[in-house]
Amino acid sequence: MYRIEKIGENKFYIKALGLFPPPVAKRFIKDFRKKTKKLEKFSVIVDGLEVIFLNLESFEIILDFLKENNERLERSSWIISKNPPLDKEIAVLLERADSPKRKIVGTLEEAKEWIGVNDIIIIRD
């Protein structure tokens, strides 16, 4: 499951939860493309604190999407919990996406700083 929130003119907050099976990954890509199709550049905070595991097929779907958006991406920060398997998955995903604009961080504050947002408050359910 996921939620995409616009937090600025060209900045987004993505909350990912639980497992991320291929149908969810495909739906996410479709939804995110729709929200960003008119933007030349965008930045993203990906909150993965509650993600459990990425399916291999989902990994490939997301990797392809990341690669196709390297030019349009200003910066993205990925908040990851202390989950060693997931930490490794995300690190490999970002390494293969081949862009220094992406960074793994430990907190929302670090994520906001990396993409240049300092005046938002995200209320969690």
PDB file of N, CA and C in Angstrom:
ATOM      1  N   MET A   1       0.843  -1.166   0.000  1.00  0.00           N
ATOM      2  CA  MET A   1       0.000   0.000   0.000  1.00  0.00           C
ATOM      3  C   MET A   1       0.899   1.243   0.000  1.00  0.00           C
ATOM      4  N   TYR A   2       0.356   2.344  -0.491  1.00  0.00           N
ATOM      5  CA  TYR A   2       1.123   3.584  -0.552  1.00  0.00           C
ATOM      6  C   TYR A   2       0.180   4.786  -0.558  1.00  0.00           C
ATOM      7  N   ARG A   3       0.764   5.938  -0.305  1.00  0.00           N
ATOM      8  CA  ARG A   3       0.035   7.210  -0.386  1.00  0.00           C
ATOM      9  C   ARG A   3       1.003   8.229  -0.976  1.00  0.00           C
ATOM     10  N   ILE A   4       0.525   9.028  -1.925  1.00  0.00           N
ATOM     11  CA  ILE A   4       1.342  10.072  -2.541  1.00  0.00           C
ATOM     12  C   ILE A   4       0.731  11.414  -2.179  1.00  0.00           C
ATOM     13  N   GLU A   5       1.515  12.268  -1.522  1.00  0.00           N
ATOM     14  CA  GLU A   5       1.048  13.599  -1.123  1.00  0.00           C
ATOM     15  C   GLU A   5       1.931  14.657  -1.768  1.00  0.00           C
ATOM     16  N   LYS A   6       1.322  15.695  -2.302  1.00  0.00           N
ATOM     17  CA  LYS A   6       2.079  16.823  -2.842  1.00  0.00           C
ATOM     18  C   LYS A   6       2.403  17.747  -1.669  1.00  0.00           C
ATOM     19  N   ILE A   7       3.689  18.079  -1.498  1.00  0.00           N
ATOM     20  CA  ILE A   7       4.101  18.911  -0.360  1.00  0.00           C
ATOM     21  C   ILE A   7       4.752  20.214  -0.817  1.00  0.00           C
ATOM     22  N   GLY A   8       4.648  20.503  -2.066  1.00  0.00           N
ATOM     23  CA  GLY A   8       5.196  21.723  -2.647  1.00  0.00           C
ATOM     24  C   GLY A   8       4.869  21.723  -4.120  1.00  0.00           C
ATOM     25  N   GLU A   9       5.264  22.773  -4.810  1.00  0.00           N
ATOM     26  CA  GLU A   9       4.932  22.871  -6.230  1.00  0.00           C
ATOM     27  C   GLU A   9       5.430  21.672  -7.032  1.00  0.00           C
ATOM     28  N   ASN A  10       6.633  21.215  -6.737  1.00  0.00           N
ATOM     29  CA  ASN A  10       7.185  20.061  -7.455  1.00  0.00           C
ATOM     30  C   ASN A  10       7.837  19.066  -6.486  1.00  0.00           C
ATOM     31  N   LYS A  11       7.286  18.993  -5.278  1.00  0.00           N
ATOM     32  CA  LYS A  11       7.825  18.099  -4.252  1.00  0.00           C
ATOM     33  C   LYS A  11       6.719  17.170  -3.748  1.00  0.00           C
ATOM     34  N   PHE A  12       7.097  15.904  -3.503  1.00  0.00           N
ATOM     35  CA  PHE A  12       6.130  14.896  -3.102  1.00  0.00           C
ATOM     36  C   PHE A  12       6.632  14.103  -1.903  1.00  0.00           C
ATOM     37  N   TYR A  13       5.664  13.613  -1.128  1.00  0.00           N
ATOM     38  CA  TYR A  13       5.928  12.713  -0.001  1.00  0.00           C
ATOM     39  C   TYR A  13       5.212  11.415  -0.329  1.00  0.00           C
ATOM     40  N   ILE A  14       5.947  10.312  -0.332  1.00  0.00           N
ATOM     41  CA  ILE A  14       5.368   9.004  -0.612  1.00  0.00           C
ATOM     42  C   ILE A  14       5.515   8.151   0.635  1.00  0.00           C
ATOM     43  N   LYS A  15       4.404   7.642   1.123  1.00  0.00           N
ATOM     44  CA  LYS A  15       4.396   6.743   2.275  1.00  0.00           C
ATOM     45  C   LYS A  15       4.117   5.344   1.752  1.00  0.00           C
ATOM     46  N   ALA A  16       5.046   4.427   1.968  1.00  0.00           N
ATOM     47  CA  ALA A  16       4.877   3.040   1.544  1.00  0.00           C
ATOM     48  C   ALA A  16       4.693   2.170   2.783  1.00  0.00           C
ATOM     49  N   LEU A  17       3.782   1.192   2.688  1.00  0.00           N
ATOM     50  CA  LEU A  17       3.453   0.338   3.832  1.00  0.00           C
ATOM     51  C   LEU A  17       3.505  -1.140   3.464  1.00  0.00           C
ATOM     52  N   GLY A  18       3.940  -1.966   4.405  1.00  0.00           N
ATOM     53  CA  GLY A  18       3.856  -3.414   4.269  1.00  0.00           C
ATOM     54  C   GLY A  18       4.658  -3.974   3.115  1.00  0.00           C
ATOM     55  N   LEU A  19       4.065  -4.963   2.465  1.00  0.00           N
ATOM     56  CA  LEU A  19       4.682  -5.577   1.293  1.00  0.00           C
ATOM     57  C   LEU A  19       4.372  -4.715   0.078  1.00  0.00           C
ATOM     58  N   PHE A  20       5.157  -4.821  -0.935  1.00  0.00           N
ATOM     59  CA  PHE A  20       4.944  -4.033  -2.151  1.00  0.00           C
ATOM     60  C   PHE A  20       4.929  -4.999  -3.335  1.00  0.00           C
ATOM     61  N   PRO A  21       3.835  -5.798  -3.488  1.00  0.00           N
ATOM     62  CA  PRO A  21       3.775  -6.784  -4.571  1.00  0.00           C
ATOM     63  C   PRO A  21       3.709  -6.103  -5.944  1.00  0.00           C
ATOM     64  N   PRO A  22       4.007  -6.826  -7.021  1.00  0.00           N
ATOM     65  CA  PRO A  22       4.022  -6.239  -8.365  1.00  0.00           C
ATOM     66  C   PRO A  22       2.764  -5.463  -8.763  1.00  0.00           C
ATOM     67  N   PRO A  23       1.551  -5.941  -8.483  1.00  0.00           N
ATOM     68  CA  PRO A  23       0.380  -5.139  -8.869  1.00  0.00           C
ATOM     69  C   PRO A  23       0.359  -3.770  -8.173  1.00  0.00           C
ATOM     70  N   VAL A  24       0.800  -3.721  -6.927  1.00  0.00           N
ATOM     71  CA  VAL A  24       0.852  -2.451  -6.195  1.00  0.00           C
ATOM     72  C   VAL A  24       1.952  -1.570  -6.787  1.00  0.00           C
ATOM     73  N   ALA A  25       3.101  -2.150  -7.098  1.00  0.00           N
ATOM     74  CA  ALA A  25       4.202  -1.386  -7.702  1.00  0.00           C
ATOM     75  C   ALA A  25       3.763  -0.780  -9.033  1.00  0.00           C
ATOM     76  N   LYS A  26       3.060  -1.555  -9.853  1.00  0.00           N
ATOM     77  CA  LYS A  26       2.587  -1.053 -11.149  1.00  0.00           C
ATOM     78  C   LYS A  26       1.564   0.066 -10.974  1.00  0.00           C
ATOM     79  N   ARG A  27       0.651  -0.102 -10.034  1.00  0.00           N
ATOM     80  CA  ARG A  27      -0.361   0.932  -9.775  1.00  0.00           C
ATOM     81  C   ARG A  27       0.307   2.206  -9.241  1.00  0.00           C
ATOM     82  N   PHE A  28       1.295   2.034  -8.371  1.00  0.00           N
ATOM     83  CA  PHE A  28       2.035   3.183  -7.852  1.00  0.00           C
ATOM     84  C   PHE A  28       2.694   3.958  -8.995  1.00  0.00           C
ATOM     85  N   ILE A  29       3.384   3.252  -9.890  1.00  0.00           N
ATOM     86  CA  ILE A  29       4.067   3.900 -11.015  1.00  0.00           C
ATOM     87  C   ILE A  29       3.058   4.681 -11.853  1.00  0.00           C
ATOM     88  N   LYS A  30       1.917   4.075 -12.137  1.00  0.00           N
ATOM     89  CA  LYS A  30       0.871   4.742 -12.930  1.00  0.00           C
ATOM     90  C   LYS A  30       0.382   6.009 -12.222  1.00  0.00           C
ATOM     91  N   ASP A  31       0.107   5.910 -10.932  1.00  0.00           N
ATOM     92  CA  ASP A  31      -0.378   7.063 -10.161  1.00  0.00           C
ATOM     93  C   ASP A  31       0.672   8.170 -10.087  1.00  0.00           C
ATOM     94  N   PHE A  32       1.923   7.789  -9.857  1.00  0.00           N
ATOM     95  CA  PHE A  32       2.976   8.797  -9.728  1.00  0.00           C
ATOM     96  C   PHE A  32       3.249   9.478 -11.069  1.00  0.00           C
ATOM     97  N   ARG A  33       3.221   8.715 -12.151  1.00  0.00           N
ATOM     98  CA  ARG A  33       3.394   9.318 -13.486  1.00  0.00           C
ATOM     99  C   ARG A  33       2.321  10.367 -13.747  1.00  0.00           C
ATOM    100  N   LYS A  34       1.084  10.041 -13.362  1.00  0.00           N
ATOM    101  CA  LYS A  34      -0.026  10.972 -13.577  1.00  0.00           C
ATOM    102  C   LYS A  34       0.216  12.281 -12.820  1.00  0.00           C
ATOM    103  N   LYS A  35       0.721  12.181 -11.599  1.00  0.00           N
ATOM    104  CA  LYS A  35       0.950  13.375 -10.772  1.00  0.00           C
ATOM    105  C   LYS A  35       2.152  14.200 -11.234  1.00  0.00           C
ATOM    106  N   THR A  36       3.101  13.574 -11.923  1.00  0.00           N
ATOM    107  CA  THR A  36       4.331  14.283 -12.297  1.00  0.00           C
ATOM    108  C   THR A  36       4.481  14.523 -13.797  1.00  0.00           C
ATOM    109  N   LYS A  37       3.522  14.099 -14.595  1.00  0.00           N
ATOM    110  CA  LYS A  37       3.712  14.158 -16.053  1.00  0.00           C
ATOM    111  C   LYS A  37       3.920  15.569 -16.591  1.00  0.00           C
ATOM    112  N   LYS A  38       3.365  16.582 -15.956  1.00  0.00           N
ATOM    113  CA  LYS A  38       3.510  17.958 -16.442  1.00  0.00           C
ATOM    114  C   LYS A  38       4.703  18.688 -15.822  1.00  0.00           C
ATOM    115  N   LEU A  39       5.422  18.023 -14.951  1.00  0.00           N
ATOM    116  CA  LEU A  39       6.558  18.654 -14.270  1.00  0.00           C
ATOM    117  C   LEU A  39       7.864  18.362 -15.002  1.00  0.00           C
ATOM    118  N   GLU A  40       8.670  19.403 -15.185  1.00  0.00           N
ATOM    119  CA  GLU A  40       9.997  19.208 -15.772  1.00  0.00           C
ATOM    120  C   GLU A  40      10.942  18.583 -14.758  1.00  0.00           C
ATOM    121  N   LYS A  41      10.821  19.000 -13.498  1.00  0.00           N
ATOM    122  CA  LYS A  41      11.671  18.508 -12.410  1.00  0.00           C
ATOM    123  C   LYS A  41      10.806  18.244 -11.190  1.00  0.00           C
ATOM    124  N   PHE A  42      11.233  17.312 -10.356  1.00  0.00           N
ATOM    125  CA  PHE A  42      10.531  17.067  -9.103  1.00  0.00           C
ATOM    126  C   PHE A  42      11.484  16.461  -8.084  1.00  0.00           C
ATOM    127  N   SER A  43      11.097  16.587  -6.801  1.00  0.00           N
ATOM    128  CA  SER A  43      11.827  15.984  -5.686  1.00  0.00           C
ATOM    129  C   SER A  43      10.848  15.141  -4.885  1.00  0.00           C
ATOM    130  N   VAL A  44      11.377  14.126  -4.209  1.00  0.00           N
ATOM    131  CA  VAL A  44      10.520  13.166  -3.519  1.00  0.00           C
ATOM    132  C   VAL A  44      11.138  12.738  -2.192  1.00  0.00           C
ATOM    133  N   ILE A  45      10.286  12.626  -1.180  1.00  0.00           N
ATOM    134  CA  ILE A  45      10.642  11.935   0.059  1.00  0.00           C
ATOM    135  C   ILE A  45       9.890  10.613   0.014  1.00  0.00           C
ATOM    136  N   VAL A  46      10.616   9.506   0.097  1.00  0.00           N
ATOM    137  CA  VAL A  46       9.997   8.182   0.143  1.00  0.00           C
ATOM    138  C   VAL A  46      10.135   7.679   1.573  1.00  0.00           C
ATOM    139  N   ASP A  47       9.009   7.572   2.261  1.00  0.00           N
ATOM    140  CA  ASP A  47       8.990   7.101   3.648  1.00  0.00           C
ATOM    141  C   ASP A  47       8.738   5.598   3.634  1.00  0.00           C
ATOM    142  N   GLY A  48       9.807   4.842   3.822  1.00  0.00           N
ATOM    143  CA  GLY A  48       9.710   3.389   3.808  1.00  0.00           C
ATOM    144  C   GLY A  48       9.847   2.775   5.187  1.00  0.00           C
ATOM    145  N   LEU A  49       9.562   3.551   6.227  1.00  0.00           N
ATOM    146  CA  LEU A  49       9.720   3.045   7.592  1.00  0.00           C
ATOM    147  C   LEU A  49       8.837   1.838   7.884  1.00  0.00           C
ATOM    148  N   GLU A  50       7.732   1.714   7.154  1.00  0.00           N
ATOM    149  CA  GLU A  50       6.812   0.610   7.421  1.00  0.00           C
ATOM    150  C   GLU A  50       6.751  -0.402   6.284  1.00  0.00           C
ATOM    151  N   VAL A  51       7.738  -0.357   5.383  1.00  0.00           N
ATOM    152  CA  VAL A  51       7.828  -1.357   4.324  1.00  0.00           C
ATOM    153  C   VAL A  51       8.505  -2.588   4.909  1.00  0.00           C
ATOM    154  N   ILE A  52       8.003  -3.753   4.556  1.00  0.00           N
ATOM    155  CA  ILE A  52       8.553  -4.995   5.094  1.00  0.00           C
ATOM    156  C   ILE A  52       9.564  -5.617   4.138  1.00  0.00           C
ATOM    157  N   PHE A  53       9.202  -5.699   2.864  1.00  0.00           N
ATOM    158  CA  PHE A  53      10.027  -6.432   1.910  1.00  0.00           C
ATOM    159  C   PHE A  53       9.618  -6.050   0.500  1.00  0.00           C
ATOM    160  N   LEU A  54      10.573  -6.013  -0.423  1.00  0.00           N
ATOM    161  CA  LEU A  54      10.274  -5.781  -1.833  1.00  0.00           C
ATOM    162  C   LEU A  54      10.354  -7.099  -2.587  1.00  0.00           C
ATOM    163  N   ASN A  55       9.290  -7.447  -3.280  1.00  0.00           N
ATOM    164  CA  ASN A  55       9.269  -8.596  -4.170  1.00  0.00           C
ATOM    165  C   ASN A  55      10.274  -8.336  -5.300  1.00  0.00           C
ATOM    166  N   LEU A  56      10.952  -9.365  -5.796  1.00  0.00           N
ATOM    167  CA  LEU A  56      11.958  -9.192  -6.842  1.00  0.00           C
ATOM    168  C   LEU A  56      11.374  -8.524  -8.088  1.00  0.00           C
ATOM    169  N   GLU A  57      10.184  -8.930  -8.493  1.00  0.00           N
ATOM    170  CA  GLU A  57       9.550  -8.311  -9.666  1.00  0.00           C
ATOM    171  C   GLU A  57       9.231  -6.842  -9.384  1.00  0.00           C
ATOM    172  N   SER A  58       8.769  -6.540  -8.170  1.00  0.00           N
ATOM    173  CA  SER A  58       8.498  -5.150  -7.784  1.00  0.00           C
ATOM    174  C   SER A  58       9.784  -4.336  -7.824  1.00  0.00           C
ATOM    175  N   PHE A  59      10.867  -4.938  -7.358  1.00  0.00           N
ATOM    176  CA  PHE A  59      12.184  -4.305  -7.374  1.00  0.00           C
ATOM    177  C   PHE A  59      12.529  -3.865  -8.799  1.00  0.00           C
ATOM    178  N   GLU A  60      12.347  -4.762  -9.768  1.00  0.00           N
ATOM    179  CA  GLU A  60      12.662  -4.462 -11.167  1.00  0.00           C
ATOM    180  C   GLU A  60      11.745  -3.381 -11.730  1.00  0.00           C
ATOM    181  N   ILE A  61      10.462  -3.419 -11.387  1.00  0.00           N
ATOM    182  CA  ILE A  61       9.498  -2.409 -11.841  1.00  0.00           C
ATOM    183  C   ILE A  61       9.916  -1.032 -11.337  1.00  0.00           C
ATOM    184  N   ILE A  62      10.239  -0.948 -10.062  1.00  0.00           N
ATOM    185  CA  ILE A  62      10.625   0.331  -9.462  1.00  0.00           C
ATOM    186  C   ILE A  62      11.970   0.798 -10.023  1.00  0.00           C
ATOM    187  N   LEU A  63      12.908  -0.127 -10.205  1.00  0.00           N
ATOM    188  CA  LEU A  63      14.210   0.224 -10.769  1.00  0.00           C
ATOM    189  C   LEU A  63      14.057   0.836 -12.165  1.00  0.00           C
ATOM    190  N   ASP A  64      13.254   0.215 -13.016  1.00  0.00           N
ATOM    191  CA  ASP A  64      13.030   0.758 -14.364  1.00  0.00           C
ATOM    192  C   ASP A  64      12.447   2.163 -14.289  1.00  0.00           C
ATOM    193  N   PHE A  65      11.499   2.358 -13.390  1.00  0.00           N
ATOM    194  CA  PHE A  65      10.879   3.671 -13.227  1.00  0.00           C
ATOM    195  C   PHE A  65      11.904   4.705 -12.752  1.00  0.00           C
ATOM    196  N   LEU A  66      12.739   4.331 -11.786  1.00  0.00           N
ATOM    197  CA  LEU A  66      13.758   5.257 -11.281  1.00  0.00           C
ATOM    198  C   LEU A  66      14.719   5.664 -12.396  1.00  0.00           C
ATOM    199  N   LYS A  67      15.153   4.696 -13.176  1.00  0.00           N
ATOM    200  CA  LYS A  67      16.097   4.988 -14.257  1.00  0.00           C
ATOM    201  C   LYS A  67      15.494   5.934 -15.286  1.00  0.00           C
ATOM    202  N   GLU A  68      14.225   5.732 -15.612  1.00  0.00           N
ATOM    203  CA  GLU A  68      13.605   6.583 -16.634  1.00  0.00           C
ATOM    204  C   GLU A  68      13.397   8.011 -16.141  1.00  0.00           C
ATOM    205  N   ASN A  69      13.457   8.223 -14.836  1.00  0.00           N
ATOM    206  CA  ASN A  69      13.246   9.559 -14.280  1.00  0.00           C
ATOM    207  C   ASN A  69      14.522  10.230 -13.778  1.00  0.00           C
ATOM    208  N   ASN A  70      15.685   9.683 -14.080  1.00  0.00           N
ATOM    209  CA  ASN A  70      16.943  10.275 -13.613  1.00  0.00           C
ATOM    210  C   ASN A  70      17.093  11.732 -14.029  1.00  0.00           C
ATOM    211  N   GLU A  71      16.710  12.072 -15.247  1.00  0.00           N
ATOM    212  CA  GLU A  71      16.873  13.442 -15.745  1.00  0.00           C
ATOM    213  C   GLU A  71      15.926  14.423 -15.063  1.00  0.00           C
ATOM    214  N   ARG A  72      14.700  14.011 -14.795  1.00  0.00           N
ATOM    215  CA  ARG A  72      13.693  14.900 -14.211  1.00  0.00           C
ATOM    216  C   ARG A  72      13.828  15.042 -12.699  1.00  0.00           C
ATOM    217  N   LEU A  73      14.520  14.119 -12.077  1.00  0.00           N
ATOM    218  CA  LEU A  73      14.641  14.125 -10.620  1.00  0.00           C
ATOM    219  C   LEU A  73      15.630  15.182 -10.152  1.00  0.00           C
ATOM    220  N   GLU A  74      15.169  16.071  -9.265  1.00  0.00           N
ATOM    221  CA  GLU A  74      16.100  17.008  -8.624  1.00  0.00           C
ATOM    222  C   GLU A  74      16.813  16.288  -7.493  1.00  0.00           C
ATOM    223  N   ARG A  75      16.026  15.747  -6.552  1.00  0.00           N
ATOM    224  CA  ARG A  75      16.568  14.978  -5.425  1.00  0.00           C
ATOM    225  C   ARG A  75      15.485  14.077  -4.859  1.00  0.00           C
ATOM    226  N   SER A  76      15.919  12.962  -4.275  1.00  0.00           N
ATOM    227  CA  SER A  76      14.984  12.126  -3.523  1.00  0.00           C
ATOM    228  C   SER A  76      15.696  11.585  -2.297  1.00  0.00           C
ATOM    229  N   SER A  77      14.941  11.497  -1.219  1.00  0.00           N
ATOM    230  CA  SER A  77      15.464  10.914   0.012  1.00  0.00           C
ATOM    231  C   SER A  77      14.581   9.732   0.372  1.00  0.00           C
ATOM    232  N   TRP A  78      15.212   8.678   0.826  1.00  0.00           N
ATOM    233  CA  TRP A  78      14.531   7.429   1.168  1.00  0.00           C
ATOM    234  C   TRP A  78      14.724   7.179   2.657  1.00  0.00           C
ATOM    235  N   ILE A  79      13.630   7.265   3.420  1.00  0.00           N
ATOM    236  CA  ILE A  79      13.694   7.012   4.864  1.00  0.00           C
ATOM    237  C   ILE A  79      13.469   5.518   5.066  1.00  0.00           C
ATOM    238  N   ILE A  80      14.471   4.847   5.621  1.00  0.00           N
ATOM    239  CA  ILE A  80      14.411   3.401   5.791  1.00  0.00           C
ATOM    240  C   ILE A  80      14.627   3.058   7.258  1.00  0.00           C
ATOM    241  N   SER A  81      13.846   2.090   7.748  1.00  0.00           N
ATOM    242  CA  SER A  81      13.974   1.662   9.142  1.00  0.00           C
ATOM    243  C   SER A  81      15.220   0.808   9.317  1.00  0.00           C
ATOM    244  N   LYS A  82      15.476   0.440  10.530  1.00  0.00           N
ATOM    245  CA  LYS A  82      16.604  -0.439  10.835  1.00  0.00           C
ATOM    246  C   LYS A  82      16.184  -1.878  10.543  1.00  0.00           C
ATOM    247  N   ASN A  83      16.071  -2.187   9.268  1.00  0.00           N
ATOM    248  CA  ASN A  83      15.659  -3.493   8.780  1.00  0.00           C
ATOM    249  C   ASN A  83      16.753  -3.940   7.807  1.00  0.00           C
ATOM    250  N   PRO A  84      17.767  -4.675   8.278  1.00  0.00           N
ATOM    251  CA  PRO A  84      18.925  -4.986   7.433  1.00  0.00           C
ATOM    252  C   PRO A  84      18.603  -5.532   6.039  1.00  0.00           C
ATOM    253  N   PRO A  85      17.678  -6.492   5.879  1.00  0.00           N
ATOM    254  CA  PRO A  85      17.401  -6.948   4.507  1.00  0.00           C
ATOM    255  C   PRO A  85      16.841  -5.828   3.628  1.00  0.00           C
ATOM    256  N   LEU A  86      15.925  -5.035   4.166  1.00  0.00           N
ATOM    257  CA  LEU A  86      15.332  -3.950   3.387  1.00  0.00           C
ATOM    258  C   LEU A  86      16.360  -2.857   3.124  1.00  0.00           C
ATOM    259  N   ASP A  87      17.184  -2.544   4.116  1.00  0.00           N
ATOM    260  CA  ASP A  87      18.248  -1.552   3.918  1.00  0.00           C
ATOM    261  C   ASP A  87      19.106  -1.939   2.714  1.00  0.00           C
ATOM    262  N   LYS A  88      19.467  -3.206   2.656  1.00  0.00           N
ATOM    263  CA  LYS A  88      20.316  -3.699   1.562  1.00  0.00           C
ATOM    264  C   LYS A  88      19.570  -3.629   0.233  1.00  0.00           C
ATOM    265  N   GLU A  89      18.291  -4.035   0.228  1.00  0.00           N
ATOM    266  CA  GLU A  89      17.493  -3.980  -1.003  1.00  0.00           C
ATOM    267  C   GLU A  89      17.435  -2.560  -1.553  1.00  0.00           C
ATOM    268  N   ILE A  90      17.139  -1.608  -0.687  1.00  0.00           N
ATOM    269  CA  ILE A  90      17.013  -0.215  -1.123  1.00  0.00           C
ATOM    270  C   ILE A  90      18.370   0.320  -1.576  1.00  0.00           C
ATOM    271  N   ALA A  91      19.432  -0.005  -0.852  1.00  0.00           N
ATOM    272  CA  ALA A  91      20.772   0.448  -1.248  1.00  0.00           C
ATOM    273  C   ALA A  91      21.123  -0.075  -2.644  1.00  0.00           C
ATOM    274  N   VAL A  92      20.827  -1.341  -2.913  1.00  0.00           N
ATOM    275  CA  VAL A  92      21.099  -1.924  -4.232  1.00  0.00           C
ATOM    276  C   VAL A  92      20.217  -1.266  -5.288  1.00  0.00           C
ATOM    277  N   LEU A  93      18.951  -1.047  -4.963  1.00  0.00           N
ATOM    278  CA  LEU A  93      18.019  -0.398  -5.889  1.00  0.00           C
ATOM    279  C   LEU A  93      18.534   0.983  -6.291  1.00  0.00           C
ATOM    280  N   LEU A  94      18.938   1.778  -5.322  1.00  0.00           N
ATOM    281  CA  LEU A  94      19.415   3.128  -5.611  1.00  0.00           C
ATOM    282  C   LEU A  94      20.753   3.109  -6.348  1.00  0.00           C
ATOM    283  N   GLU A  95      21.604   2.160  -6.005  1.00  0.00           N
ATOM    284  CA  GLU A  95      22.887   2.032  -6.700  1.00  0.00           C
ATOM    285  C   GLU A  95      22.659   1.700  -8.175  1.00  0.00           C
ATOM    286  N   ARG A  96      21.749   0.795  -8.443  1.00  0.00           N
ATOM    287  CA  ARG A  96      21.456   0.405  -9.828  1.00  0.00           C
ATOM    288  C   ARG A  96      20.719   1.500 -10.592  1.00  0.00           C
ATOM    289  N   ALA A  97      20.007   2.351  -9.887  1.00  0.00           N
ATOM    290  CA  ALA A  97      19.309   3.465 -10.544  1.00  0.00           C
ATOM    291  C   ALA A  97      20.312   4.503 -11.031  1.00  0.00           C
ATOM    292  N   ASP A  98      21.533   4.443 -10.511  1.00  0.00           N
ATOM    293  CA  ASP A  98      22.659   5.235 -10.988  1.00  0.00           C
ATOM    294  C   ASP A  98      22.393   6.742 -11.007  1.00  0.00           C
ATOM    295  N   SER A  99      22.149   7.302  -9.834  1.00  0.00           N
ATOM    296  CA  SER A  99      21.973   8.750  -9.732  1.00  0.00           C
ATOM    297  C   SER A  99      22.421   9.224  -8.355  1.00  0.00           C
ATOM    298  N   PRO A 100      23.317  10.208  -8.303  1.00  0.00           N
ATOM    299  CA  PRO A 100      23.753  10.750  -7.017  1.00  0.00           C
ATOM    300  C   PRO A 100      22.690  11.642  -6.370  1.00  0.00           C
ATOM    301  N   LYS A 101      21.566  11.803  -7.021  1.00  0.00           N
ATOM    302  CA  LYS A 101      20.488  12.651  -6.509  1.00  0.00           C
ATOM    303  C   LYS A 101      19.637  11.927  -5.472  1.00  0.00           C
ATOM    304  N   ARG A 102      19.873  10.633  -5.300  1.00  0.00           N
ATOM    305  CA  ARG A 102      19.090   9.827  -4.364  1.00  0.00           C
ATOM    306  C   ARG A 102      19.936   9.503  -3.138  1.00  0.00           C
ATOM    307  N   LYS A 103      19.290   9.553  -1.958  1.00  0.00           N
ATOM    308  CA  LYS A 103      20.037   9.346  -0.715  1.00  0.00           C
ATOM    309  C   LYS A 103      19.169   8.597   0.295  1.00  0.00           C
ATOM    310  N   ILE A 104      19.764   7.644   0.995  1.00  0.00           N
ATOM    311  CA  ILE A 104      19.082   6.953   2.090  1.00  0.00           C
ATOM    312  C   ILE A 104      19.334   7.749   3.359  1.00  0.00           C
ATOM    313  N   VAL A 105      18.263   8.027   4.099  1.00  0.00           N
ATOM    314  CA  VAL A 105      18.356   8.774   5.355  1.00  0.00           C
ATOM    315  C   VAL A 105      17.627   8.004   6.447  1.00  0.00           C
ATOM    316  N   GLY A 106      17.804   8.433   7.690  1.00  0.00           N
ATOM    317  CA  GLY A 106      17.198   7.734   8.813  1.00  0.00           C
ATOM    318  C   GLY A 106      15.974   8.406   9.402  1.00  0.00           C
ATOM    319  N   THR A 107      15.776   9.703   9.096  1.00  0.00           N
ATOM    320  CA  THR A 107      14.659  10.425   9.712  1.00  0.00           C
ATOM    321  C   THR A 107      13.976  11.346   8.707  1.00  0.00           C
ATOM    322  N   LEU A 108      12.765  11.754   9.052  1.00  0.00           N
ATOM    323  CA  LEU A 108      12.023  12.700   8.226  1.00  0.00           C
ATOM    324  C   LEU A 108      12.764  14.033   8.146  1.00  0.00           C
ATOM    325  N   GLU A 109      13.370  14.464   9.246  1.00  0.00           N
ATOM    326  CA  GLU A 109      14.116  15.730   9.239  1.00  0.00           C
ATOM    327  C   GLU A 109      15.268  15.697   8.231  1.00  0.00           C
ATOM    328  N   GLU A 110      16.018  14.592   8.206  1.00  0.00           N
ATOM    329  CA  GLU A 110      17.111  14.452   7.235  1.00  0.00           C
ATOM    330  C   GLU A 110      16.564  14.446   5.809  1.00  0.00           C
ATOM    331  N   ALA A 111      15.431  13.785   5.619  1.00  0.00           N
ATOM    332  CA  ALA A 111      14.809  13.709   4.294  1.00  0.00           C
ATOM    333  C   ALA A 111      14.392  15.088   3.810  1.00  0.00           C
ATOM    334  N   LYS A 112      13.760  15.854   4.689  1.00  0.00           N
ATOM    335  CA  LYS A 112      13.326  17.204   4.329  1.00  0.00           C
ATOM    336  C   LYS A 112      14.529  18.081   3.990  1.00  0.00           C
ATOM    337  N   GLU A 113      15.577  17.975   4.766  1.00  0.00           N
ATOM    338  CA  GLU A 113      16.780  18.770   4.520  1.00  0.00           C
ATOM    339  C   GLU A 113      17.385  18.435   3.150  1.00  0.00           C
ATOM    340  N   TRP A 114      17.456  17.147   2.812  1.00  0.00           N
ATOM    341  CA  TRP A 114      18.065  16.712   1.557  1.00  0.00           C
ATOM    342  C   TRP A 114      17.319  17.261   0.333  1.00  0.00           C
ATOM    343  N   ILE A 115      15.967  17.297   0.385  1.00  0.00           N
ATOM    344  CA  ILE A 115      15.236  17.790  -0.790  1.00  0.00           C
ATOM    345  C   ILE A 115      14.925  19.281  -0.714  1.00  0.00           C
ATOM    346  N   GLY A 116      15.289  19.917   0.395  1.00  0.00           N
ATOM    347  CA  GLY A 116      15.108  21.361   0.504  1.00  0.00           C
ATOM    348  C   GLY A 116      13.744  21.803   0.983  1.00  0.00           C
ATOM    349  N   VAL A 117      13.152  21.036   1.875  1.00  0.00           N
ATOM    350  CA  VAL A 117      11.859  21.383   2.463  1.00  0.00           C
ATOM    351  C   VAL A 117      12.071  21.507   3.961  1.00  0.00           C
ATOM    352  N   ASN A 118      11.613  22.622   4.550  1.00  0.00           N
ATOM    353  CA  ASN A 118      11.789  22.734   5.996  1.00  0.00           C
ATOM    354  C   ASN A 118      10.545  23.199   6.723  1.00  0.00           C
ATOM    355  N   ASP A 119       9.475  23.472   6.006  1.00  0.00           N
ATOM    356  CA  ASP A 119       8.304  24.025   6.677  1.00  0.00           C
ATOM    357  C   ASP A 119       7.049  23.175   6.527  1.00  0.00           C
ATOM    358  N   ILE A 120       7.206  21.859   6.421  1.00  0.00           N
ATOM    359  CA  ILE A 120       6.028  20.996   6.351  1.00  0.00           C
ATOM    360  C   ILE A 120       5.938  20.135   7.602  1.00  0.00           C
ATOM    361  N   ILE A 121       4.744  19.764   7.915  1.00  0.00           N
ATOM    362  CA  ILE A 121       4.506  18.822   9.002  1.00  0.00           C
ATOM    363  C   ILE A 121       3.610  17.737   8.442  1.00  0.00           C
ATOM    364  N   ILE A 122       4.047  16.514   8.563  1.00  0.00           N
ATOM    365  CA  ILE A 122       3.249  15.390   8.091  1.00  0.00           C
ATOM    366  C   ILE A 122       2.659  14.713   9.310  1.00  0.00           C
ATOM    367  N   ILE A 123       1.340  14.627   9.338  1.00  0.00           N
ATOM    368  CA  ILE A 123       0.654  13.986  10.457  1.00  0.00           C
ATOM    369  C   ILE A 123       0.387  12.541  10.074  1.00  0.00           C
ATOM    370  N   ARG A 124       0.877  11.634  10.879  1.00  0.00           N
ATOM    371  CA  ARG A 124       0.684  10.207  10.599  1.00  0.00           C
ATOM    372  C   ARG A 124      -0.595   9.729  11.251  1.00  0.00           C
ATOM    373  N   ASP A 125      -1.249   8.801  10.561  1.00  0.00           N
ATOM    374  CA  ASP A 125      -2.505   8.232  11.080  1.00  0.00           C
ATOM    375  C   ASP A 125      -2.261   7.382  12.305  1.00  0.00           C
TER     376      ASP A 125
END
